[in-house]
């Protein structure tokens, strides 16, 4: 039995969360892909970060500033 099912069988509370990609409900404890439901959803999310579909808000960086930082490296 999977750990979440074992906990439910014993009457313990099983914490469930929604996968941020597919919104499927999945157990938090014993889930090696958490907060995702599967490796597939984890890889989809990683692909979105790589393709820059997700961004962290902040001030735009000018090309001149990037060039100066590259020179220092």
N, C-alpha and C. Protein backbone atom coordinates (compact mmCIF):
# COMPACT_ATOMS: atom_id res chain seq x y z
N UNK A 1 0.83 -1.19 0.00
CA UNK A 1 0.00 0.00 0.00
C UNK A 1 0.87 1.25 0.00
N UNK A 2 0.39 2.30 -0.65
CA UNK A 2 1.09 3.59 -0.64
C UNK A 2 0.92 4.22 0.73
N UNK A 3 1.89 5.06 1.17
CA UNK A 3 1.83 5.65 2.51
C UNK A 3 0.53 6.39 2.80
N UNK A 4 0.00 7.15 1.83
CA UNK A 4 -1.24 7.91 2.07
C UNK A 4 -2.42 6.98 2.32
N UNK A 5 -2.49 5.88 1.58
CA UNK A 5 -3.57 4.93 1.77
C UNK A 5 -3.44 4.22 3.11
N UNK A 6 -2.22 3.93 3.53
CA UNK A 6 -2.00 3.30 4.82
C UNK A 6 -2.46 4.21 5.94
N UNK A 7 -2.17 5.52 5.82
CA UNK A 7 -2.60 6.47 6.85
C UNK A 7 -4.12 6.54 6.90
N UNK A 8 -4.77 6.60 5.74
CA UNK A 8 -6.23 6.67 5.70
C UNK A 8 -6.84 5.40 6.29
N UNK A 9 -6.22 4.26 6.01
CA UNK A 9 -6.70 2.98 6.53
C UNK A 9 -6.65 2.96 8.06
N UNK A 10 -5.61 3.57 8.63
CA UNK A 10 -5.45 3.61 10.08
C UNK A 10 -6.30 4.72 10.72
N UNK A 11 -7.01 5.51 9.90
CA UNK A 11 -7.85 6.58 10.43
C UNK A 11 -7.12 7.88 10.64
N UNK A 12 -5.89 7.99 10.16
CA UNK A 12 -5.13 9.22 10.30
C UNK A 12 -5.52 10.20 9.19
N UNK A 13 -5.33 11.48 9.45
CA UNK A 13 -5.64 12.50 8.46
C UNK A 13 -4.58 12.50 7.37
N UNK A 14 -5.04 12.51 6.14
CA UNK A 14 -4.14 12.55 4.99
C UNK A 14 -4.25 13.93 4.37
N UNK A 15 -3.14 14.66 4.37
CA UNK A 15 -3.13 15.99 3.79
C UNK A 15 -3.09 15.87 2.28
N UNK A 16 -4.07 16.50 1.63
CA UNK A 16 -4.12 16.47 0.17
C UNK A 16 -3.96 17.89 -0.36
N UNK A 17 -3.26 18.01 -1.47
CA UNK A 17 -3.06 19.30 -2.13
C UNK A 17 -3.43 19.16 -3.60
N UNK A 18 -3.65 20.30 -4.24
CA UNK A 18 -3.94 20.30 -5.67
C UNK A 18 -2.64 20.48 -6.43
N UNK A 19 -2.42 19.67 -7.44
CA UNK A 19 -1.25 19.81 -8.30
C UNK A 19 -1.34 21.17 -8.99
N UNK A 20 -0.27 21.99 -8.98
CA UNK A 20 -0.33 23.30 -9.61
C UNK A 20 -0.46 23.25 -11.13
N UNK A 21 -0.19 22.13 -11.75
CA UNK A 21 -0.27 22.02 -13.21
C UNK A 21 -1.63 21.49 -13.65
N UNK A 22 -2.02 20.31 -13.18
CA UNK A 22 -3.26 19.67 -13.66
C UNK A 22 -4.41 19.79 -12.67
N UNK A 23 -4.12 20.28 -11.47
CA UNK A 23 -5.10 20.48 -10.40
C UNK A 23 -5.70 19.18 -9.85
N UNK A 24 -5.06 18.06 -10.12
CA UNK A 24 -5.48 16.77 -9.55
C UNK A 24 -5.14 16.77 -8.06
N UNK A 25 -5.99 16.21 -7.24
CA UNK A 25 -5.73 16.10 -5.80
C UNK A 25 -4.74 14.97 -5.57
N UNK A 26 -3.74 15.22 -4.72
CA UNK A 26 -2.75 14.19 -4.42
C UNK A 26 -2.28 14.34 -2.97
N UNK A 27 -1.81 13.26 -2.41
CA UNK A 27 -1.33 13.26 -1.02
C UNK A 27 -0.02 14.03 -0.93
N UNK A 28 0.16 14.76 0.16
CA UNK A 28 1.40 15.51 0.38
C UNK A 28 2.48 14.58 0.93
N UNK A 29 2.13 13.80 1.94
CA UNK A 29 3.10 12.88 2.55
C UNK A 29 3.38 11.71 1.62
N UNK A 30 4.63 11.36 1.48
CA UNK A 30 5.00 10.20 0.68
C UNK A 30 4.98 10.44 -0.82
N UNK A 31 4.73 11.67 -1.23
CA UNK A 31 4.68 12.00 -2.65
C UNK A 31 6.04 12.55 -3.07
N UNK A 32 6.79 11.79 -3.82
CA UNK A 32 8.16 12.21 -4.17
C UNK A 32 8.18 13.37 -5.16
N UNK A 33 7.05 13.69 -5.79
CA UNK A 33 7.01 14.79 -6.77
C UNK A 33 6.37 16.05 -6.21
N UNK A 34 6.06 16.06 -4.92
CA UNK A 34 5.30 17.18 -4.38
C UNK A 34 5.97 18.52 -4.66
N UNK A 35 5.23 19.56 -4.92
CA UNK A 35 3.78 19.69 -4.83
C UNK A 35 3.03 19.18 -6.06
N UNK A 36 3.73 18.55 -6.98
CA UNK A 36 3.09 18.04 -8.19
C UNK A 36 2.59 16.62 -7.96
N UNK A 37 1.68 16.18 -8.82
CA UNK A 37 1.13 14.83 -8.66
C UNK A 37 2.02 13.77 -9.31
N UNK A 38 2.85 14.18 -10.25
CA UNK A 38 3.66 13.21 -10.99
C UNK A 38 4.91 13.88 -11.57
N UNK A 39 5.82 13.06 -12.05
CA UNK A 39 7.01 13.58 -12.71
C UNK A 39 6.63 14.37 -13.96
N UNK A 40 5.60 13.91 -14.66
CA UNK A 40 5.15 14.60 -15.87
C UNK A 40 4.78 16.05 -15.58
N UNK A 41 3.96 16.28 -14.54
CA UNK A 41 3.56 17.64 -14.18
C UNK A 41 4.76 18.46 -13.72
N UNK A 42 5.67 17.83 -13.03
CA UNK A 42 6.89 18.52 -12.58
C UNK A 42 7.71 19.00 -13.79
N UNK A 43 7.83 18.15 -14.80
CA UNK A 43 8.60 18.50 -15.99
C UNK A 43 7.89 19.57 -16.83
N UNK A 44 6.56 19.53 -16.87
CA UNK A 44 5.80 20.58 -17.56
C UNK A 44 6.08 21.93 -16.91
N UNK A 45 6.05 21.97 -15.58
CA UNK A 45 6.31 23.20 -14.85
C UNK A 45 7.74 23.70 -15.10
N UNK A 46 8.70 22.79 -15.08
CA UNK A 46 10.09 23.17 -15.36
C UNK A 46 10.22 23.75 -16.76
N UNK A 47 9.55 23.14 -17.73
CA UNK A 47 9.56 23.64 -19.10
C UNK A 47 9.01 25.05 -19.20
N UNK A 48 7.97 25.35 -18.42
CA UNK A 48 7.41 26.70 -18.43
C UNK A 48 8.42 27.72 -17.89
N UNK A 49 9.18 27.34 -16.87
CA UNK A 49 10.22 28.25 -16.36
C UNK A 49 11.32 28.44 -17.42
N UNK A 50 11.73 27.37 -18.06
CA UNK A 50 12.79 27.45 -19.06
C UNK A 50 12.36 28.29 -20.25
N UNK A 51 11.09 28.14 -20.67
CA UNK A 51 10.57 28.91 -21.81
C UNK A 51 10.20 30.34 -21.42
N UNK A 52 10.41 30.69 -20.15
CA UNK A 52 10.11 32.01 -19.60
C UNK A 52 8.62 32.34 -19.66
N UNK A 53 7.78 31.32 -19.56
CA UNK A 53 6.34 31.55 -19.44
C UNK A 53 6.03 32.13 -18.06
N UNK A 54 6.83 31.78 -17.05
CA UNK A 54 6.70 32.32 -15.71
C UNK A 54 7.80 33.36 -15.54
N UNK A 55 7.46 34.42 -14.83
CA UNK A 55 8.44 35.47 -14.55
C UNK A 55 8.25 35.95 -13.12
N UNK A 56 9.34 36.37 -12.52
CA UNK A 56 9.29 36.97 -11.20
C UNK A 56 9.29 38.48 -11.41
N UNK A 57 8.33 39.17 -10.81
CA UNK A 57 8.20 40.62 -11.00
C UNK A 57 9.44 41.35 -10.50
N UNK A 58 9.81 42.39 -11.18
CA UNK A 58 10.95 43.20 -10.78
C UNK A 58 11.21 44.28 -11.81
N UNK A 59 12.17 45.11 -11.52
CA UNK A 59 12.54 46.17 -12.44
C UNK A 59 13.21 45.58 -13.67
N UNK A 60 12.87 46.09 -14.86
CA UNK A 60 13.54 45.59 -16.07
C UNK A 60 15.03 45.92 -16.06
N UNK A 61 15.84 45.02 -16.56
CA UNK A 61 17.29 45.22 -16.60
C UNK A 61 17.66 45.71 -18.00
N UNK A 62 18.41 46.80 -18.06
CA UNK A 62 18.84 47.34 -19.35
C UNK A 62 19.97 46.51 -19.92
N UNK A 63 20.06 46.45 -21.24
CA UNK A 63 21.13 45.70 -21.90
C UNK A 63 22.51 46.21 -21.49
N UNK A 64 22.61 47.52 -21.24
CA UNK A 64 23.90 48.10 -20.83
C UNK A 64 24.35 47.52 -19.49
N UNK A 65 23.41 47.37 -18.57
CA UNK A 65 23.74 46.80 -17.26
C UNK A 65 24.21 45.35 -17.40
N UNK A 66 23.56 44.59 -18.27
CA UNK A 66 23.97 43.20 -18.49
C UNK A 66 25.37 43.13 -19.07
N UNK A 67 25.69 43.99 -20.00
CA UNK A 67 27.02 44.01 -20.61
C UNK A 67 28.09 44.33 -19.57
N UNK A 68 27.81 45.27 -18.68
CA UNK A 68 28.77 45.63 -17.63
C UNK A 68 29.00 44.44 -16.69
N UNK A 69 27.94 43.74 -16.34
CA UNK A 69 28.08 42.58 -15.45
C UNK A 69 28.86 41.47 -16.12
N UNK A 70 28.68 41.27 -17.43
CA UNK A 70 29.42 40.25 -18.16
C UNK A 70 30.91 40.55 -18.17
N UNK A 71 31.26 41.84 -18.28
CA UNK A 71 32.68 42.24 -18.28
C UNK A 71 33.34 41.92 -16.96
N UNK A 72 32.59 42.03 -15.87
CA UNK A 72 33.15 41.76 -14.55
C UNK A 72 33.40 40.28 -14.32
N UNK A 73 32.68 39.43 -15.04
CA UNK A 73 32.86 37.99 -14.88
C UNK A 73 34.06 37.59 -15.64
